[in-house]
Amino acid sequence: MARSMVYVVDDDRYVLASVESLLASEGYEVATFSSPDGFMAGKRPDVPACLVLDVRLRGASGLEFQRELHRARIAIPIIFLTGHGDVPMSVAAMKAGAIEFLTKPFRDQDLLDAVRHGIELDRHRRSNEAQLVVLRQRYEAMTPREREILPLVVSGQMNKQIAFSLSLSEVTVKVHRAQIMQKMQARSLIELVRIADRLAADAARI
């Protein structure tokens, strides 16, 4: 299986061939498509990837396809190519999450640098998602009472304060606190706070 993939969507077959040749010469695994439909219908291996996308396509524009990918929850770094770039188009693309906007004819090195950056970003995202999956599993392993106590612990409250607010004994809170640390595999309160912050940010994003 490929260690990474670069997808290229452009309705100009000469551009497709040129970009594919350049990327392949650098050792990249490349899949080319003449339309967004081809990309959506194709099989995509579960590896770090990026998308090189023409901003002006027949039918739906590259910007519209970018929005379609977002709606479909397909997270992939996008590098836009255009022969008719303008400032508003570039701003719209970057605000929507594009990592680069290159005007044709572009320098080969600029595209290679953008692709390298895109794949690294996707590799980092995938690693982060894998870590979040583990953290969610640990969180789900906690009891409802432990989940109730967790935010109080990370807010800095002492066992005595938590016991008072939840009408529990201090000993009971101490036991729950130890279970929380064990189940979340946190070696310190600071680490537990960081874990809770990541889970909260993930929940807000969803």
N, C-alpha and C. Protein backbone atom coordinates (compact mmCIF):
# COMPACT_ATOMS: atom_id res chain seq x y z
N MET A 1 0.85 -1.19 0.00
CA MET A 1 0.00 0.00 0.00
C MET A 1 0.88 1.25 0.00
N ALA A 2 0.45 2.29 -0.70
CA ALA A 2 1.21 3.52 -0.78
C ALA A 2 1.31 4.18 0.59
N ARG A 3 2.48 4.81 0.85
CA ARG A 3 2.65 5.51 2.13
C ARG A 3 1.95 6.86 2.12
N SER A 4 1.73 7.41 0.94
CA SER A 4 1.00 8.67 0.80
C SER A 4 0.46 8.74 -0.62
N MET A 5 -0.53 9.63 -0.82
CA MET A 5 -1.14 9.78 -2.14
C MET A 5 -1.31 11.26 -2.48
N VAL A 6 -1.15 11.56 -3.77
CA VAL A 6 -1.48 12.90 -4.26
C VAL A 6 -2.55 12.73 -5.33
N TYR A 7 -3.68 13.40 -5.12
CA TYR A 7 -4.77 13.37 -6.09
C TYR A 7 -4.74 14.67 -6.88
N VAL A 8 -4.95 14.55 -8.19
CA VAL A 8 -4.96 15.73 -9.05
C VAL A 8 -6.27 15.76 -9.82
N VAL A 9 -7.02 16.86 -9.70
CA VAL A 9 -8.28 17.01 -10.42
C VAL A 9 -8.17 18.25 -11.31
N ASP A 10 -8.18 18.02 -12.63
CA ASP A 10 -8.07 19.12 -13.59
C ASP A 10 -8.68 18.64 -14.90
N ASP A 11 -9.47 19.50 -15.55
CA ASP A 11 -10.10 19.08 -16.80
C ASP A 11 -9.21 19.33 -18.02
N ASP A 12 -7.99 19.76 -17.78
CA ASP A 12 -7.01 19.93 -18.86
C ASP A 12 -6.07 18.73 -18.84
N ARG A 13 -6.19 17.87 -19.84
CA ARG A 13 -5.41 16.62 -19.81
C ARG A 13 -3.91 16.86 -19.87
N TYR A 14 -3.50 17.99 -20.47
CA TYR A 14 -2.08 18.30 -20.55
C TYR A 14 -1.54 18.68 -19.17
N VAL A 15 -2.35 19.42 -18.43
CA VAL A 15 -1.95 19.77 -17.06
C VAL A 15 -1.90 18.51 -16.20
N LEU A 16 -2.89 17.65 -16.35
CA LEU A 16 -2.90 16.39 -15.60
C LEU A 16 -1.63 15.59 -15.85
N ALA A 17 -1.29 15.45 -17.13
CA ALA A 17 -0.11 14.66 -17.50
C ALA A 17 1.17 15.30 -16.97
N SER A 18 1.24 16.63 -17.06
CA SER A 18 2.43 17.34 -16.60
C SER A 18 2.62 17.23 -15.09
N VAL A 19 1.53 17.46 -14.35
CA VAL A 19 1.60 17.39 -12.89
C VAL A 19 1.89 15.96 -12.44
N GLU A 20 1.25 14.99 -13.07
CA GLU A 20 1.49 13.59 -12.71
C GLU A 20 2.95 13.22 -12.94
N SER A 21 3.51 13.65 -14.08
CA SER A 21 4.91 13.33 -14.40
C SER A 21 5.85 13.96 -13.38
N LEU A 22 5.58 15.22 -13.01
CA LEU A 22 6.44 15.90 -12.04
C LEU A 22 6.41 15.20 -10.70
N LEU A 23 5.21 14.90 -10.22
CA LEU A 23 5.07 14.28 -8.90
C LEU A 23 5.63 12.85 -8.88
N ALA A 24 5.37 12.11 -9.96
CA ALA A 24 5.89 10.74 -10.04
C ALA A 24 7.41 10.73 -10.05
N SER A 25 8.02 11.75 -10.69
CA SER A 25 9.48 11.82 -10.74
C SER A 25 10.08 12.04 -9.36
N GLU A 26 9.26 12.55 -8.42
CA GLU A 26 9.71 12.76 -7.05
C GLU A 26 9.32 11.60 -6.14
N GLY A 27 8.77 10.55 -6.74
CA GLY A 27 8.45 9.36 -5.98
C GLY A 27 7.06 9.32 -5.37
N TYR A 28 6.20 10.26 -5.74
CA TYR A 28 4.85 10.28 -5.19
C TYR A 28 3.94 9.30 -5.93
N GLU A 29 3.03 8.70 -5.19
CA GLU A 29 1.95 7.90 -5.79
C GLU A 29 0.87 8.90 -6.20
N VAL A 30 0.48 8.89 -7.48
CA VAL A 30 -0.43 9.91 -8.00
C VAL A 30 -1.66 9.28 -8.63
N ALA A 31 -2.82 9.88 -8.38
CA ALA A 31 -4.07 9.48 -9.06
C ALA A 31 -4.66 10.73 -9.67
N THR A 32 -4.96 10.68 -10.96
CA THR A 32 -5.48 11.86 -11.66
C THR A 32 -6.94 11.66 -12.08
N PHE A 33 -7.68 12.77 -12.08
CA PHE A 33 -9.09 12.75 -12.46
C PHE A 33 -9.40 14.01 -13.27
N SER A 34 -10.27 13.85 -14.25
CA SER A 34 -10.65 14.99 -15.09
C SER A 34 -11.85 15.74 -14.54
N SER A 35 -12.44 15.21 -13.47
CA SER A 35 -13.61 15.85 -12.87
C SER A 35 -13.72 15.48 -11.40
N PRO A 36 -14.41 16.30 -10.61
CA PRO A 36 -14.65 15.96 -9.20
C PRO A 36 -15.39 14.64 -9.04
N ASP A 37 -16.31 14.34 -9.97
CA ASP A 37 -17.07 13.09 -9.88
C ASP A 37 -16.14 11.89 -9.92
N GLY A 38 -15.11 11.98 -10.74
CA GLY A 38 -14.14 10.89 -10.83
C GLY A 38 -13.42 10.68 -9.51
N PHE A 39 -13.06 11.77 -8.88
CA PHE A 39 -12.40 11.68 -7.58
C PHE A 39 -13.32 11.05 -6.55
N MET A 40 -14.58 11.50 -6.49
CA MET A 40 -15.52 11.00 -5.50
C MET A 40 -15.84 9.52 -5.72
N ALA A 41 -15.84 9.09 -6.98
CA ALA A 41 -16.18 7.70 -7.29
C ALA A 41 -14.99 6.76 -7.09
N GLY A 42 -13.79 7.30 -7.09
CA GLY A 42 -12.60 6.46 -6.99
C GLY A 42 -12.35 5.97 -5.58
N LYS A 43 -11.58 4.89 -5.48
CA LYS A 43 -11.20 4.36 -4.18
C LYS A 43 -9.98 5.12 -3.67
N ARG A 44 -10.01 5.47 -2.39
CA ARG A 44 -8.91 6.22 -1.81
C ARG A 44 -8.31 5.43 -0.65
N PRO A 45 -7.05 5.01 -0.78
CA PRO A 45 -6.42 4.26 0.32
C PRO A 45 -6.33 5.12 1.57
N ASP A 46 -6.34 4.47 2.71
CA ASP A 46 -6.34 5.17 3.99
C ASP A 46 -4.90 5.55 4.37
N VAL A 47 -4.37 6.53 3.65
CA VAL A 47 -2.99 6.99 3.88
C VAL A 47 -2.98 8.52 3.81
N PRO A 48 -1.93 9.16 4.34
CA PRO A 48 -1.83 10.62 4.22
C PRO A 48 -1.89 11.03 2.75
N ALA A 49 -2.59 12.14 2.48
CA ALA A 49 -2.79 12.55 1.09
C ALA A 49 -3.02 14.05 1.00
N CYS A 50 -2.97 14.56 -0.22
CA CYS A 50 -3.38 15.93 -0.48
C CYS A 50 -4.01 15.97 -1.87
N LEU A 51 -4.72 17.06 -2.15
CA LEU A 51 -5.45 17.20 -3.40
C LEU A 51 -4.98 18.44 -4.14
N VAL A 52 -4.54 18.25 -5.38
CA VAL A 52 -4.19 19.36 -6.26
C VAL A 52 -5.40 19.59 -7.16
N LEU A 53 -6.02 20.76 -7.02
CA LEU A 53 -7.34 20.99 -7.63
C LEU A 53 -7.37 22.25 -8.48
N ASP A 54 -7.81 22.11 -9.72
CA ASP A 54 -7.99 23.27 -10.59
C ASP A 54 -9.20 24.07 -10.10
N VAL A 55 -9.05 25.38 -10.01
CA VAL A 55 -10.14 26.18 -9.47
C VAL A 55 -11.26 26.39 -10.47
N ARG A 56 -10.94 26.28 -11.77
CA ARG A 56 -11.96 26.48 -12.80
C ARG A 56 -12.15 25.18 -13.57
N LEU A 57 -13.22 24.49 -13.25
CA LEU A 57 -13.53 23.22 -13.90
C LEU A 57 -14.83 23.37 -14.70
N ARG A 58 -15.02 22.49 -15.65
CA ARG A 58 -16.30 22.48 -16.37
C ARG A 58 -17.39 22.05 -15.40
N GLY A 59 -18.49 22.78 -15.38
CA GLY A 59 -19.55 22.47 -14.43
C GLY A 59 -19.25 23.13 -13.11
N ALA A 60 -19.18 22.34 -12.04
CA ALA A 60 -18.91 22.88 -10.71
C ALA A 60 -17.47 23.39 -10.64
N SER A 61 -17.27 24.53 -9.99
CA SER A 61 -15.92 25.07 -9.85
C SER A 61 -15.16 24.33 -8.76
N GLY A 62 -13.84 24.56 -8.73
CA GLY A 62 -13.04 23.95 -7.68
C GLY A 62 -13.46 24.41 -6.30
N LEU A 63 -13.87 25.69 -6.19
CA LEU A 63 -14.34 26.20 -4.90
C LEU A 63 -15.61 25.50 -4.45
N GLU A 64 -16.50 25.23 -5.41
CA GLU A 64 -17.74 24.51 -5.08
C GLU A 64 -17.41 23.08 -4.65
N PHE A 65 -16.44 22.48 -5.31
CA PHE A 65 -16.04 21.12 -4.95
C PHE A 65 -15.39 21.11 -3.56
N GLN A 66 -14.65 22.14 -3.24
CA GLN A 66 -14.07 22.27 -1.91
C GLN A 66 -15.17 22.26 -0.85
N ARG A 67 -16.24 23.00 -1.11
CA ARG A 67 -17.37 23.02 -0.17
C ARG A 67 -18.06 21.66 -0.10
N GLU A 68 -18.13 20.97 -1.24
CA GLU A 68 -18.74 19.62 -1.25
C GLU A 68 -17.93 18.66 -0.41
N LEU A 69 -16.62 18.73 -0.50
CA LEU A 69 -15.76 17.87 0.31
C LEU A 69 -15.97 18.15 1.80
N HIS A 70 -16.11 19.42 2.12
CA HIS A 70 -16.34 19.80 3.52
C HIS A 70 -17.66 19.23 4.02
N ARG A 71 -18.69 19.35 3.20
CA ARG A 71 -20.01 18.81 3.60
C ARG A 71 -19.95 17.30 3.77
N ALA A 72 -19.15 16.64 2.93
CA ALA A 72 -19.03 15.17 2.99
C ALA A 72 -18.04 14.72 4.07
N ARG A 73 -17.49 15.69 4.81
CA ARG A 73 -16.52 15.40 5.87
C ARG A 73 -15.30 14.65 5.35
N ILE A 74 -14.89 15.01 4.14
CA ILE A 74 -13.66 14.46 3.58
C ILE A 74 -12.56 15.48 3.84
N ALA A 75 -11.76 15.19 4.84
CA ALA A 75 -10.70 16.13 5.24
C ALA A 75 -9.43 15.82 4.46
N ILE A 76 -9.06 16.73 3.57
CA ILE A 76 -7.85 16.55 2.79
C ILE A 76 -7.28 17.92 2.45
N PRO A 77 -5.99 18.14 2.67
CA PRO A 77 -5.39 19.43 2.31
C PRO A 77 -5.52 19.68 0.81
N ILE A 78 -5.92 20.91 0.45
CA ILE A 78 -6.15 21.26 -0.95
C ILE A 78 -5.17 22.32 -1.42
N ILE A 79 -4.57 22.07 -2.57
CA ILE A 79 -3.71 23.02 -3.26
C ILE A 79 -4.42 23.43 -4.53
N PHE A 80 -4.80 24.69 -4.64
CA PHE A 80 -5.52 25.15 -5.82
C PHE A 80 -4.57 25.59 -6.92
N LEU A 81 -4.93 25.24 -8.15
CA LEU A 81 -4.23 25.73 -9.34
C LEU A 81 -5.21 26.57 -10.16
N THR A 82 -4.73 27.65 -10.73
CA THR A 82 -5.60 28.45 -11.58
C THR A 82 -4.80 29.22 -12.61
N GLY A 83 -5.40 29.42 -13.76
CA GLY A 83 -4.80 30.27 -14.78
C GLY A 83 -5.46 31.62 -14.80
N HIS A 84 -6.46 31.79 -13.96
CA HIS A 84 -7.25 33.03 -13.95
C HIS A 84 -7.44 33.51 -12.51
N GLY A 85 -6.40 33.40 -11.71
CA GLY A 85 -6.55 33.73 -10.29
C GLY A 85 -6.79 35.20 -10.05
N ASP A 86 -7.54 35.50 -9.01
CA ASP A 86 -7.70 36.87 -8.56
C ASP A 86 -7.74 36.87 -7.04
N VAL A 87 -7.62 38.02 -6.47
CA VAL A 87 -7.51 38.12 -5.01
C VAL A 87 -8.74 37.58 -4.29
N PRO A 88 -9.97 37.96 -4.67
CA PRO A 88 -11.14 37.43 -3.95
C PRO A 88 -11.22 35.90 -4.01
N MET A 89 -10.89 35.33 -5.16
CA MET A 89 -10.95 33.86 -5.29
C MET A 89 -9.92 33.22 -4.36
N SER A 90 -8.72 33.78 -4.32
CA SER A 90 -7.68 33.26 -3.47
C SER A 90 -8.07 33.34 -2.00
N VAL A 91 -8.62 34.49 -1.60
CA VAL A 91 -9.04 34.67 -0.21
C VAL A 91 -10.13 33.68 0.16
N ALA A 92 -11.11 33.49 -0.74
CA ALA A 92 -12.20 32.54 -0.48
C ALA A 92 -11.66 31.13 -0.30
N ALA A 93 -10.72 30.75 -1.16
CA ALA A 93 -10.14 29.40 -1.09
C ALA A 93 -9.37 29.20 0.21
N MET A 94 -8.57 30.18 0.59
CA MET A 94 -7.75 30.05 1.79
C MET A 94 -8.61 30.07 3.05
N LYS A 95 -9.65 30.92 3.06
CA LYS A 95 -10.55 30.96 4.21
C LYS A 95 -11.27 29.64 4.39
N ALA A 96 -11.53 28.94 3.28
CA ALA A 96 -12.23 27.66 3.35
C ALA A 96 -11.28 26.51 3.66
N GLY A 97 -10.00 26.82 3.83
CA GLY A 97 -9.07 25.79 4.28
C GLY A 97 -8.00 25.36 3.30
N ALA A 98 -7.95 25.97 2.11
CA ALA A 98 -6.91 25.61 1.16
C ALA A 98 -5.54 25.97 1.75
N ILE A 99 -4.52 25.17 1.44
CA ILE A 99 -3.20 25.45 2.01
C ILE A 99 -2.32 26.23 1.06
N GLU A 100 -2.68 26.26 -0.24
CA GLU A 100 -1.88 27.00 -1.21
C GLU A 100 -2.72 27.35 -2.42
N PHE A 101 -2.35 28.40 -3.12
CA PHE A 101 -3.08 28.86 -4.30
C PHE A 101 -2.02 29.24 -5.33
N LEU A 102 -1.80 28.39 -6.32
CA LEU A 102 -0.73 28.60 -7.30
C LEU A 102 -1.31 29.00 -8.65
N THR A 103 -0.73 30.02 -9.26
CA THR A 103 -1.19 30.50 -10.56
C THR A 103 -0.38 29.84 -11.67
N LYS A 104 -1.08 29.30 -12.67
CA LYS A 104 -0.41 28.71 -13.82
C LYS A 104 0.16 29.83 -14.69
N PRO A 105 1.36 29.66 -15.26
CA PRO A 105 2.28 28.54 -15.01
C PRO A 105 3.01 28.71 -13.68
N PHE A 106 3.06 27.66 -12.91
CA PHE A 106 3.69 27.71 -11.60
C PHE A 106 5.08 27.08 -11.67
N ARG A 107 5.90 27.43 -10.70
CA ARG A 107 7.22 26.81 -10.60
C ARG A 107 7.06 25.40 -10.06
N ASP A 108 7.78 24.45 -10.65
CA ASP A 108 7.70 23.07 -10.20
C ASP A 108 7.98 22.96 -8.71
N GLN A 109 8.99 23.69 -8.25
CA GLN A 109 9.37 23.59 -6.84
C GLN A 109 8.28 24.11 -5.92
N ASP A 110 7.54 25.13 -6.37
CA ASP A 110 6.43 25.64 -5.55
C ASP A 110 5.36 24.58 -5.34
N LEU A 111 5.06 23.84 -6.41
CA LEU A 111 4.06 22.77 -6.30
C LEU A 111 4.59 21.64 -5.42
N LEU A 112 5.85 21.27 -5.61
CA LEU A 112 6.43 20.18 -4.80
C LEU A 112 6.46 20.56 -3.32
N ASP A 113 6.79 21.81 -3.04
CA ASP A 113 6.81 22.27 -1.64
C ASP A 113 5.40 22.22 -1.05
N ALA A 114 4.41 22.65 -1.83
CA ALA A 114 3.03 22.65 -1.36
C ALA A 114 2.53 21.24 -1.10
N VAL A 115 2.85 20.31 -1.99
CA VAL A 115 2.44 18.91 -1.84
C VAL A 115 3.10 18.30 -0.61
N ARG A 116 4.38 18.56 -0.42
CA ARG A 116 5.08 18.03 0.75
C ARG A 116 4.43 18.55 2.04
N HIS A 117 4.12 19.84 2.04
CA HIS A 117 3.48 20.45 3.21
C HIS A 117 2.09 19.85 3.43
N GLY A 118 1.33 19.66 2.35
CA GLY A 118 -0.02 19.11 2.46
C GLY A 118 -0.03 17.71 3.04
N ILE A 119 0.89 16.88 2.59
CA ILE A 119 0.95 15.50 3.08
C ILE A 119 1.36 15.48 4.56
N GLU A 120 2.28 16.37 4.94
CA GLU A 120 2.68 16.44 6.35
C GLU A 120 1.52 16.88 7.22
N LEU A 121 0.74 17.86 6.73
CA LEU A 121 -0.43 18.30 7.47
C LEU A 121 -1.43 17.16 7.65
N ASP A 122 -1.64 16.38 6.59
CA ASP A 122 -2.60 15.28 6.68
C ASP A 122 -2.08 14.17 7.58
N ARG A 123 -0.77 13.95 7.52
CA ARG A 123 -0.18 12.94 8.41
C ARG A 123 -0.37 13.35 9.87
N HIS A 124 -0.17 14.62 10.15
CA HIS A 124 -0.36 15.13 11.52
C HIS A 124 -1.83 15.01 11.93
N ARG A 125 -2.75 15.37 11.02
CA ARG A 125 -4.18 15.28 11.33
C ARG A 125 -4.57 13.84 11.64
N ARG A 126 -4.08 12.91 10.86
CA ARG A 126 -4.41 11.50 11.08
C ARG A 126 -3.86 11.01 12.42
N SER A 127 -2.66 11.42 12.75
CA SER A 127 -2.07 11.03 14.02
C SER A 127 -2.90 11.60 15.17
N ASN A 128 -3.31 12.86 15.03
CA ASN A 128 -4.13 13.50 16.06
C ASN A 128 -5.47 12.80 16.21
N GLU A 129 -6.10 12.43 15.07
CA GLU A 129 -7.38 11.73 15.12
C GLU A 129 -7.24 10.37 15.79
N ALA A 130 -6.14 9.67 15.52
CA ALA A 130 -5.92 8.36 16.13
C ALA A 130 -5.77 8.50 17.65
N GLN A 131 -5.07 9.56 18.08
CA GLN A 131 -4.92 9.80 19.52
C GLN A 131 -6.27 10.12 20.15
N LEU A 132 -7.09 10.90 19.44
CA LEU A 132 -8.41 11.25 19.97
C LEU A 132 -9.30 10.03 20.12
N VAL A 133 -9.20 9.10 19.19
CA VAL A 133 -9.99 7.87 19.28
C VAL A 133 -9.65 7.14 20.58
N VAL A 134 -8.36 7.06 20.89
CA VAL A 134 -7.93 6.40 22.13
C VAL A 134 -8.45 7.15 23.35
N LEU A 135 -8.37 8.48 23.31
CA LEU A 135 -8.84 9.27 24.45
C LEU A 135 -10.35 9.13 24.64
N ARG A 136 -11.09 9.09 23.53
CA ARG A 136 -12.55 8.90 23.63
C ARG A 136 -12.86 7.55 24.25
N GLN A 137 -12.12 6.52 23.87
CA GLN A 137 -12.35 5.18 24.43
C GLN A 137 -12.08 5.17 25.93
N ARG A 138 -11.02 5.85 26.34
CA ARG A 138 -10.72 5.92 27.77
C ARG A 138 -11.82 6.68 28.51
N TYR A 139 -12.31 7.75 27.90
CA TYR A 139 -13.38 8.54 28.53
C TYR A 139 -14.64 7.70 28.68
N GLU A 140 -14.97 6.93 27.63
CA GLU A 140 -16.17 6.09 27.67
C GLU A 140 -16.06 4.99 28.71
N ALA A 141 -14.83 4.64 29.08
CA ALA A 141 -14.63 3.59 30.08
C ALA A 141 -14.91 4.09 31.50
N MET A 142 -15.02 5.40 31.66
CA MET A 142 -15.31 5.95 32.98
C MET A 142 -16.79 5.80 33.32
N THR A 143 -17.08 5.76 34.60
CA THR A 143 -18.48 5.69 35.06
C THR A 143 -19.11 7.08 34.95
N PRO A 144 -20.45 7.15 34.94
CA PRO A 144 -21.10 8.47 34.92
C PRO A 144 -20.63 9.39 36.05
N ARG A 145 -20.42 8.83 37.23
CA ARG A 145 -19.96 9.64 38.36
C ARG A 145 -18.55 10.18 38.10
N GLU A 146 -17.70 9.35 37.55
CA GLU A 146 -16.34 9.80 37.25
C GLU A 146 -16.35 10.91 36.20
N ARG A 147 -17.25 10.79 35.22
CA ARG A 147 -17.36 11.85 34.20
C ARG A 147 -17.89 13.14 34.82
N GLU A 148 -18.70 13.00 35.84
CA GLU A 148 -19.23 14.18 36.53
C GLU A 148 -18.12 14.88 37.34
N ILE A 149 -17.24 14.08 37.90
CA ILE A 149 -16.17 14.61 38.73
C ILE A 149 -15.02 15.17 37.91
N LEU A 150 -14.79 14.61 36.73
CA LEU A 150 -13.65 15.03 35.89
C LEU A 150 -13.54 16.54 35.70
N PRO A 151 -14.60 17.24 35.25
CA PRO A 151 -14.46 18.69 35.03
C PRO A 151 -14.17 19.46 36.32
N LEU A 152 -14.63 18.92 37.45
CA LEU A 152 -14.36 19.59 38.72
C LEU A 152 -12.90 19.43 39.11
N VAL A 153 -12.36 18.25 38.81
CA VAL A 153 -10.94 18.01 39.09
C VAL A 153 -10.06 18.92 38.24
N VAL A 154 -10.34 18.96 36.93
CA VAL A 154 -9.47 19.75 36.04
C VAL A 154 -9.66 21.25 36.23
N SER A 155 -10.75 21.65 36.88
CA SER A 155 -10.94 23.07 37.17
C SER A 155 -10.12 23.51 38.38
N GLY A 156 -9.48 22.53 39.05
CA GLY A 156 -8.60 22.85 40.17
C GLY A 156 -9.22 22.69 41.54
N GLN A 157 -10.45 22.17 41.59
CA GLN A 157 -11.10 22.02 42.90
C GLN A 157 -10.44 20.91 43.72
N MET A 158 -10.38 21.13 45.03
CA MET A 158 -9.83 20.13 45.93
C MET A 158 -10.89 19.06 46.20
N ASN A 159 -10.43 17.92 46.72
CA ASN A 159 -11.36 16.82 47.02
C ASN A 159 -12.48 17.28 47.96
N LYS A 160 -12.13 18.10 48.95
CA LYS A 160 -13.11 18.57 49.92
C LYS A 160 -14.20 19.41 49.23
N GLN A 161 -13.80 20.25 48.28
CA GLN A 161 -14.76 21.10 47.57
C GLN A 161 -15.67 20.27 46.69
N ILE A 162 -15.09 19.29 46.00
CA ILE A 162 -15.88 18.41 45.13
C ILE A 162 -16.88 17.61 45.96
N ALA A 163 -16.41 17.11 47.08
CA ALA A 163 -17.28 16.31 47.97
C ALA A 163 -18.47 17.14 48.42
N PHE A 164 -18.22 18.39 48.76
CA PHE A 164 -19.29 19.25 49.24
C PHE A 164 -20.30 19.55 48.13
N SER A 165 -19.81 19.87 46.94
CA SER A 165 -20.71 20.24 45.84
C SER A 165 -21.54 19.07 45.34
N LEU A 166 -21.04 17.83 45.49
CA LEU A 166 -21.76 16.65 45.01
C LEU A 166 -22.37 15.83 46.14
N SER A 167 -22.26 16.32 47.36
CA SER A 167 -22.81 15.61 48.54
C SER A 167 -22.22 14.21 48.66
N LEU A 168 -20.91 14.14 48.53
CA LEU A 168 -20.19 12.87 48.67
C LEU A 168 -19.19 13.00 49.80
N SER A 169 -18.68 11.86 50.25
CA SER A 169 -17.62 11.91 51.24
C SER A 169 -16.30 12.22 50.55
N GLU A 170 -15.39 12.79 51.28
CA GLU A 170 -14.09 13.14 50.70
C GLU A 170 -13.34 11.88 50.27
N VAL A 171 -13.50 10.81 51.04
CA VAL A 171 -12.84 9.54 50.69
C VAL A 171 -13.36 9.01 49.35
N THR A 172 -14.69 9.11 49.16
CA THR A 172 -15.28 8.66 47.90
C THR A 172 -14.73 9.45 46.72
N VAL A 173 -14.62 10.75 46.89
CA VAL A 173 -14.08 11.60 45.82
C VAL A 173 -12.63 11.22 45.54
N LYS A 174 -11.88 10.95 46.58
CA LYS A 174 -10.47 10.57 46.41
C LYS A 174 -10.35 9.29 45.60
N VAL A 175 -11.23 8.32 45.86
CA VAL A 175 -11.22 7.06 45.11
C VAL A 175 -11.56 7.30 43.65
N HIS A 176 -12.62 8.10 43.42
CA HIS A 176 -13.02 8.41 42.04
C HIS A 176 -11.90 9.15 41.30
N ARG A 177 -11.25 10.05 41.99
CA ARG A 177 -10.17 10.82 41.38
C ARG A 177 -9.03 9.89 40.93
N ALA A 178 -8.71 8.95 41.77
CA ALA A 178 -7.65 8.00 41.43
C ALA A 178 -8.06 7.14 40.23
N GLN A 179 -9.34 6.74 40.19
CA GLN A 179 -9.84 5.95 39.06
C GLN A 179 -9.79 6.76 37.76
N ILE A 180 -10.12 8.04 37.86
CA ILE A 180 -10.08 8.91 36.67
C ILE A 180 -8.65 8.98 36.13
N MET A 181 -7.70 9.22 37.02
CA MET A 181 -6.29 9.31 36.60
C MET A 181 -5.83 8.01 35.96
N GLN A 182 -6.26 6.89 36.52
CA GLN A 182 -5.85 5.58 35.99
C GLN A 182 -6.49 5.32 34.64
N LYS A 183 -7.80 5.55 34.52
CA LYS A 183 -8.49 5.23 33.28
C LYS A 183 -8.07 6.16 32.13
N MET A 184 -7.78 7.42 32.45
CA MET A 184 -7.34 8.35 31.42
C MET A 184 -5.84 8.26 31.19
N GLN A 185 -5.16 7.44 32.00
CA GLN A 185 -3.71 7.24 31.91
C GLN A 185 -2.96 8.56 31.97
N ALA A 186 -3.40 9.39 32.91
CA ALA A 186 -2.76 10.69 33.13
C ALA A 186 -1.77 10.56 34.28
N ARG A 187 -0.55 11.00 34.06
CA ARG A 187 0.48 10.88 35.09
C ARG A 187 0.49 12.06 36.05
N SER A 188 -0.24 13.11 35.71
CA SER A 188 -0.28 14.28 36.57
C SER A 188 -1.57 15.05 36.31
N LEU A 189 -1.88 15.99 37.18
CA LEU A 189 -3.08 16.82 36.98
C LEU A 189 -2.94 17.65 35.71
N ILE A 190 -1.74 18.15 35.46
CA ILE A 190 -1.52 18.96 34.25
C ILE A 190 -1.83 18.14 33.00
N GLU A 191 -1.38 16.89 32.98
CA GLU A 191 -1.65 16.03 31.83
C GLU A 191 -3.14 15.75 31.71
N LEU A 192 -3.83 15.57 32.83
CA LEU A 192 -5.27 15.33 32.81
C LEU A 192 -6.00 16.56 32.26
N VAL A 193 -5.54 17.75 32.63
CA VAL A 193 -6.15 18.99 32.12
C VAL A 193 -5.99 19.06 30.61
N ARG A 194 -4.82 18.73 30.11
CA ARG A 194 -4.58 18.75 28.66
C ARG A 194 -5.48 17.76 27.93
N ILE A 195 -5.64 16.58 28.51
CA ILE A 195 -6.50 15.56 27.91
C ILE A 195 -7.95 16.05 27.87
N ALA A 196 -8.40 16.61 28.99
CA ALA A 196 -9.79 17.12 29.05
C ALA A 196 -10.00 18.24 28.05
N ASP A 197 -9.00 19.10 27.88
CA ASP A 197 -9.10 20.20 26.92
C ASP A 197 -9.20 19.67 25.50
N ARG A 198 -8.43 18.64 25.18
CA ARG A 198 -8.50 18.04 23.83
C ARG A 198 -9.86 17.42 23.57
N LEU A 199 -10.39 16.73 24.56
CA LEU A 199 -11.72 16.12 24.40
C LEU A 199 -12.81 17.17 24.26
N ALA A 200 -12.68 18.26 25.01
CA ALA A 200 -13.67 19.33 24.92
C ALA A 200 -13.61 20.02 23.57
N ALA A 201 -12.40 20.25 23.06
CA ALA A 201 -12.26 20.88 21.74
C ALA A 201 -12.79 19.98 20.65
N ASP A 202 -12.58 18.67 20.80
CA ASP A 202 -13.08 17.70 19.82
C ASP A 202 -14.60 17.68 19.83
N ALA A 203 -15.20 17.71 21.01
CA ALA A 203 -16.67 17.70 21.12
C ALA A 203 -17.25 18.96 20.52
N ALA A 204 -16.58 20.10 20.72
CA ALA A 204 -17.08 21.37 20.17
C ALA A 204 -16.99 21.37 18.66
N ARG A 205 -15.93 20.75 18.12
CA ARG A 205 -15.76 20.69 16.66
C ARG A 205 -16.84 19.84 16.01
N ILE A 206 -17.23 18.76 16.67
CA ILE A 206 -18.26 17.87 16.14
C ILE A 206 -19.62 18.55 16.23
